[in-house]
C-alpha atoms as a PDB file:
ATOM      1  CA  UNK A   1       0.000   0.000   0.000  1.00  0.00           C
ATOM      2  CA  UNK A   2       3.019   2.248   0.030  1.00  0.00           C
ATOM      3  CA  UNK A   3       2.855   2.989   3.760  1.00  0.00           C
ATOM      4  CA  UNK A   4       5.654   2.405   6.174  1.00  0.00           C
ATOM      5  CA  UNK A   5       4.885   0.037   9.051  1.00  0.00           C
ATOM      6  CA  UNK A   6       5.281   2.918  11.518  1.00  0.00           C
ATOM      7  CA  UNK A   7       2.820   5.255   9.820  1.00  0.00           C
ATOM      8  CA  UNK A   8      -0.197   4.178  11.886  1.00  0.00           C
ATOM      9  CA  UNK A   9      -1.960   7.005  13.675  1.00  0.00           C
ATOM     10  CA  UNK A  10      -0.704   6.600  17.238  1.00  0.00           C
ATOM     11  CA  UNK A  11      -3.428   8.893  18.600  1.00  0.00           C
ATOM     12  CA  UNK A  12      -6.151   6.551  17.345  1.00  0.00           C
ATOM     13  CA  UNK A  13      -4.413   3.373  18.369  1.00  0.00           C
ATOM     14  CA  UNK A  14      -5.376   2.144  21.794  1.00  0.00           C
ATOM     15  CA  UNK A  15      -3.820  -0.522  23.893  1.00  0.00           C
ATOM     16  CA  UNK A  16      -5.000  -2.022  27.106  1.00  0.00           C
ATOM     17  CA  UNK A  17      -3.176  -3.973  29.736  1.00  0.00           C
ATOM     18  CA  UNK A  18      -2.960  -7.683  29.106  1.00  0.00           C
ATOM     19  CA  UNK A  19      -5.891  -9.455  30.720  1.00  0.00           C
ATOM     20  CA  UNK A  20      -6.624 -13.021  31.614  1.00  0.00           C
ATOM     21  CA  UNK A  21      -9.764 -14.937  32.527  1.00  0.00           C
ATOM     22  CA  UNK A  22     -10.410 -15.766  36.157  1.00  0.00           C
ATOM     23  CA  UNK A  23     -13.030 -18.328  37.177  1.00  0.00           C
ATOM     24  CA  UNK A  24     -14.833 -17.878  40.490  1.00  0.00           C
ATOM     25  CA  UNK A  25     -14.437 -21.562  41.313  1.00  0.00           C
ATOM     26  CA  UNK A  26     -17.088 -21.810  44.074  1.00  0.00           C
ATOM     27  CA  UNK A  27     -19.700 -20.479  41.608  1.00  0.00           C
ATOM     28  CA  UNK A  28     -18.580 -22.736  38.740  1.00  0.00           C
ATOM     29  CA  UNK A  29     -21.099 -25.509  38.032  1.00  0.00           C
ATOM     30  CA  UNK A  30     -18.764 -27.518  35.789  1.00  0.00           C
ATOM     31  CA  UNK A  31     -20.813 -27.239  32.599  1.00  0.00           C
ATOM     32  CA  UNK A  32     -17.691 -27.304  30.307  1.00  0.00           C
ATOM     33  CA  UNK A  33     -19.086 -24.596  27.989  1.00  0.00           C
ATOM     34  CA  UNK A  34     -16.079 -22.365  28.675  1.00  0.00           C
ATOM     35  CA  UNK A  35     -13.695 -25.232  27.888  1.00  0.00           C
ATOM     36  CA  UNK A  36     -15.437 -25.778  24.566  1.00  0.00           C
ATOM     37  CA  UNK A  37     -15.319 -22.045  23.772  1.00  0.00           C
ATOM     38  CA  UNK A  38     -11.624 -21.490  24.535  1.00  0.00           C
ATOM     39  CA  UNK A  39      -9.632 -21.900  21.314  1.00  0.00           C
ATOM     40  CA  UNK A  40      -6.351 -21.917  23.251  1.00  0.00           C
ATOM     41  CA  UNK A  41      -7.109 -24.811  25.648  1.00  0.00           C
ATOM     42  CA  UNK A  42      -6.388 -22.440  28.530  1.00  0.00           C
ATOM     43  CA  UNK A  43      -9.270 -23.709  30.690  1.00  0.00           C
ATOM     44  CA  UNK A  44      -9.025 -27.095  32.363  1.00  0.00           C
ATOM     45  CA  UNK A  45     -11.568 -29.092  34.310  1.00  0.00           C
ATOM     46  CA  UNK A  46     -14.111 -31.853  33.919  1.00  0.00           C
ATOM     47  CA  UNK A  47     -17.871 -32.099  33.660  1.00  0.00           C
ATOM     48  CA  UNK A  48     -19.593 -31.404  36.973  1.00  0.00           C
ATOM     49  CA  UNK A  49     -16.282 -30.264  38.475  1.00  0.00           C
ATOM     50  CA  UNK A  50     -14.961 -26.777  38.850  1.00  0.00           C
ATOM     51  CA  UNK A  51     -12.729 -25.371  36.158  1.00  0.00           C
ATOM     52  CA  UNK A  52      -9.672 -23.182  36.313  1.00  0.00           C
ATOM     53  CA  UNK A  53      -7.706 -21.032  33.897  1.00  0.00           C
ATOM     54  CA  UNK A  54      -4.066 -21.792  33.137  1.00  0.00           C
ATOM     55  CA  UNK A  55      -2.895 -18.168  33.147  1.00  0.00           C
ATOM     56  CA  UNK A  56       0.184 -18.570  30.920  1.00  0.00           C
ATOM     57  CA  UNK A  57      -2.046 -20.044  28.191  1.00  0.00           C
ATOM     58  CA  UNK A  58      -4.859 -17.466  28.415  1.00  0.00           C
ATOM     59  CA  UNK A  59      -4.550 -14.573  25.972  1.00  0.00           C
ATOM     60  CA  UNK A  60      -7.561 -12.637  27.276  1.00  0.00           C
ATOM     61  CA  UNK A  61      -9.719 -13.086  24.156  1.00  0.00           C
ATOM     62  CA  UNK A  62     -12.929 -13.167  26.272  1.00  0.00           C
ATOM     63  CA  UNK A  63     -14.478 -15.959  24.175  1.00  0.00           C
ATOM     64  CA  UNK A  64     -15.205 -17.890  27.376  1.00  0.00           C
ATOM     65  CA  UNK A  65     -17.437 -15.152  28.836  1.00  0.00           C
ATOM     66  CA  UNK A  66     -20.634 -15.426  26.730  1.00  0.00           C
ATOM     67  CA  UNK A  67     -21.234 -19.192  27.070  1.00  0.00           C
ATOM     68  CA  UNK A  68     -20.911 -19.223  30.892  1.00  0.00           C
ATOM     69  CA  UNK A  69     -24.463 -19.696  32.251  1.00  0.00           C
ATOM     70  CA  UNK A  70     -23.614 -18.536  35.778  1.00  0.00           C
ATOM     71  CA  UNK A  71     -21.299 -15.619  34.903  1.00  0.00           C
ATOM     72  CA  UNK A  72     -18.505 -16.963  37.071  1.00  0.00           C
ATOM     73  CA  UNK A  73     -15.758 -15.810  34.680  1.00  0.00           C
ATOM     74  CA  UNK A  74     -14.274 -12.345  34.853  1.00  0.00           C
ATOM     75  CA  UNK A  75     -11.369 -10.707  33.101  1.00  0.00           C
ATOM     76  CA  UNK A  76      -8.589  -9.406  35.331  1.00  0.00           C
ATOM     77  CA  UNK A  77      -5.308  -7.678  34.634  1.00  0.00           C
ATOM     78  CA  UNK A  78      -2.586 -10.215  34.030  1.00  0.00           C
ATOM     79  CA  UNK A  79       0.629 -10.172  35.972  1.00  0.00           C
ATOM     80  CA  UNK A  80       2.207  -6.724  35.486  1.00  0.00           C
ATOM     81  CA  UNK A  81       5.397  -8.156  34.065  1.00  0.00           C
ATOM     82  CA  UNK A  82       3.515 -10.233  31.499  1.00  0.00           C
ATOM     83  CA  UNK A  83       3.855  -8.814  28.000  1.00  0.00           C
ATOM     84  CA  UNK A  84       3.174 -10.495  24.695  1.00  0.00           C
ATOM     85  CA  UNK A  85       6.184 -11.818  22.916  1.00  0.00           C
ATOM     86  CA  UNK A  86       6.380 -13.113  19.381  1.00  0.00           C
ATOM     87  CA  UNK A  87       7.098 -16.588  20.748  1.00  0.00           C
ATOM     88  CA  UNK A  88       3.929 -16.511  22.868  1.00  0.00           C
ATOM     89  CA  UNK A  89       1.883 -15.446  19.857  1.00  0.00           C
ATOM     90  CA  UNK A  90       3.334 -18.295  17.788  1.00  0.00           C
ATOM     91  CA  UNK A  91       2.673 -20.781  20.607  1.00  0.00           C
ATOM     92  CA  UNK A  92      -0.924 -19.555  20.922  1.00  0.00           C
ATOM     93  CA  UNK A  93      -1.404 -20.013  17.188  1.00  0.00           C
ATOM     94  CA  UNK A  94       0.071 -23.501  17.394  1.00  0.00           C
ATOM     95  CA  UNK A  95      -2.313 -24.374  20.266  1.00  0.00           C
ATOM     96  CA  UNK A  96      -5.283 -23.231  18.186  1.00  0.00           C
ATOM     97  CA  UNK A  97      -4.142 -25.392  15.257  1.00  0.00           C
ATOM     98  CA  UNK A  98      -3.501 -28.385  17.526  1.00  0.00           C
ATOM     99  CA  UNK A  99      -6.944 -27.987  19.104  1.00  0.00           C
ATOM    100  CA  UNK A 100      -8.624 -27.856  15.686  1.00  0.00           C
ATOM    101  CA  UNK A 101      -6.773 -31.013  14.625  1.00  0.00           C
ATOM    102  CA  UNK A 102      -7.696 -32.781  17.871  1.00  0.00           C
ATOM    103  CA  UNK A 103     -11.376 -31.842  17.546  1.00  0.00           C
ATOM    104  CA  UNK A 104     -11.436 -32.994  13.917  1.00  0.00           C
ATOM    105  CA  UNK A 105      -9.731 -36.285  14.853  1.00  0.00           C
ATOM    106  CA  UNK A 106     -12.241 -36.812  17.690  1.00  0.00           C
ATOM    107  CA  UNK A 107     -15.141 -36.078  15.321  1.00  0.00           C
ATOM    108  CA  UNK A 108     -13.826 -38.576  12.761  1.00  0.00           C
ATOM    109  CA  UNK A 109     -13.313 -41.260  15.423  1.00  0.00           C
ATOM    110  CA  UNK A 110     -16.853 -40.679  16.705  1.00  0.00           C
ATOM    111  CA  UNK A 111     -18.232 -40.923  13.141  1.00  0.00           C
ATOM    112  CA  UNK A 112     -16.409 -44.233  12.627  1.00  0.00           C
ATOM    113  CA  UNK A 113     -17.808 -45.607  15.898  1.00  0.00           C
ATOM    114  CA  UNK A 114     -21.338 -44.537  14.976  1.00  0.00           C
ATOM    115  CA  UNK A 115     -20.985 -46.122  11.531  1.00  0.00           C
ATOM    116  CA  UNK A 116     -19.771 -49.378  13.098  1.00  0.00           C
ATOM    117  CA  UNK A 117     -22.706 -49.408  15.520  1.00  0.00           C
ATOM    118  CA  UNK A 118     -25.157 -48.745  12.706  1.00  0.00           C
ATOM    119  CA  UNK A 119     -23.595 -51.552  10.672  1.00  0.00           C
ATOM    120  CA  UNK A 120     -23.818 -53.926  13.663  1.00  0.00           C
ATOM    121  CA  UNK A 121     -27.443 -52.975  14.302  1.00  0.00           C
ATOM    122  CA  UNK A 122     -28.327 -53.677  10.658  1.00  0.00           C
ATOM    123  CA  UNK A 123     -27.077 -57.260  10.890  1.00  0.00           C
ATOM    124  CA  UNK A 124     -29.806 -59.800  11.477  1.00  0.00           C
ATOM    125  CA  UNK A 125     -29.779 -61.045  15.020  1.00  0.00           C
ATOM    126  CA  UNK A 126     -28.452 -64.568  15.304  1.00  0.00           C
ATOM    127  CA  UNK A 127     -30.989 -66.997  16.588  1.00  0.00           C
ATOM    128  CA  UNK A 128     -30.210 -67.763  20.172  1.00  0.00           C
ATOM    129  CA  UNK A 129     -31.521 -70.743  22.047  1.00  0.00           C
ATOM    130  CA  UNK A 130     -32.366 -70.871  25.717  1.00  0.00           C
ATOM    131  CA  UNK A 131     -31.497 -73.836  27.943  1.00  0.00           C
ATOM    132  CA  UNK A 132     -34.509 -75.831  26.719  1.00  0.00           C
ATOM    133  CA  UNK A 133     -33.607 -75.283  23.064  1.00  0.00           C
ATOM    134  CA  UNK A 134     -36.322 -72.686  22.324  1.00  0.00           C
ATOM    135  CA  UNK A 135     -35.473 -69.608  20.249  1.00  0.00           C
ATOM    136  CA  UNK A 136     -35.066 -66.413  22.255  1.00  0.00           C
ATOM    137  CA  UNK A 137     -36.857 -63.420  20.800  1.00  0.00           C
ATOM    138  CA  UNK A 138     -35.138 -60.712  18.724  1.00  0.00           C
ATOM    139  CA  UNK A 139     -34.900 -58.145  21.564  1.00  0.00           C
ATOM    140  CA  UNK A 140     -33.082 -60.570  23.803  1.00  0.00           C
ATOM    141  CA  UNK A 141     -30.665 -61.277  20.941  1.00  0.00           C
ATOM    142  CA  UNK A 142     -29.997 -57.562  20.473  1.00  0.00           C
ATOM    143  CA  UNK A 143     -29.354 -57.172  24.203  1.00  0.00           C
ATOM    144  CA  UNK A 144     -27.033 -60.172  24.136  1.00  0.00           C
ATOM    145  CA  UNK A 145     -25.048 -58.635  21.239  1.00  0.00           C
ATOM    146  CA  UNK A 146     -24.785 -55.323  23.109  1.00  0.00           C
ATOM    147  CA  UNK A 147     -23.496 -57.112  26.199  1.00  0.00           C
ATOM    148  CA  UNK A 148     -21.002 -59.010  24.054  1.00  0.00           C
ATOM    149  CA  UNK A 149     -19.727 -55.742  22.494  1.00  0.00           C
ATOM    150  CA  UNK A 150     -19.391 -54.181  25.946  1.00  0.00           C
ATOM    151  CA  UNK A 151     -17.377 -57.170  27.162  1.00  0.00           C
ATOM    152  CA  UNK A 152     -15.110 -56.962  24.120  1.00  0.00           C
ATOM    153  CA  UNK A 153     -14.512 -53.256  24.767  1.00  0.00           C
ATOM    154  CA  UNK A 154     -13.770 -53.920  28.421  1.00  0.00           C
ATOM    155  CA  UNK A 155     -11.250 -56.616  27.521  1.00  0.00           C
ATOM    156  CA  UNK A 156      -9.597 -54.272  25.017  1.00  0.00           C
ATOM    157  CA  UNK A 157      -9.430 -51.264  27.351  1.00  0.00           C
ATOM    158  CA  UNK A 158      -6.573 -50.743  29.827  1.00  0.00           C
ATOM    159  CA  UNK A 159      -7.493 -51.022  33.458  1.00  0.00           C
END
């Protein structure tokens, strides 16, 4: 555009101190909406448990504020010595990319699992016989298959 990088109007430019999210933990209901909203993975916690902000990862974007149903998140001034560095900006960008990749991978894995379940449910139920040799009805066969799948998953999962 023919402008030097330093030609911005400094009187119109405004800066504010670096801020970070702070969760009022006793008020937090553990809904995980803030965790889902944070593109930097700066909020940690679990469903039905209180959450907390990892201050070095929070950039103060305020994206966690609107989804909070109990308004337990506020923005506070970050540590006075904390200033943005180029490295921090690059790390934040890398965290956003990693989060997007993780969410996409999780979505694909979930889609595969749902497709496998749908395929299993479409199979005709094998005829099962009770102890007297009579055929067990279709619902009992479906339940038996579900129990069998659960046992297979349990065997395959680490304890």
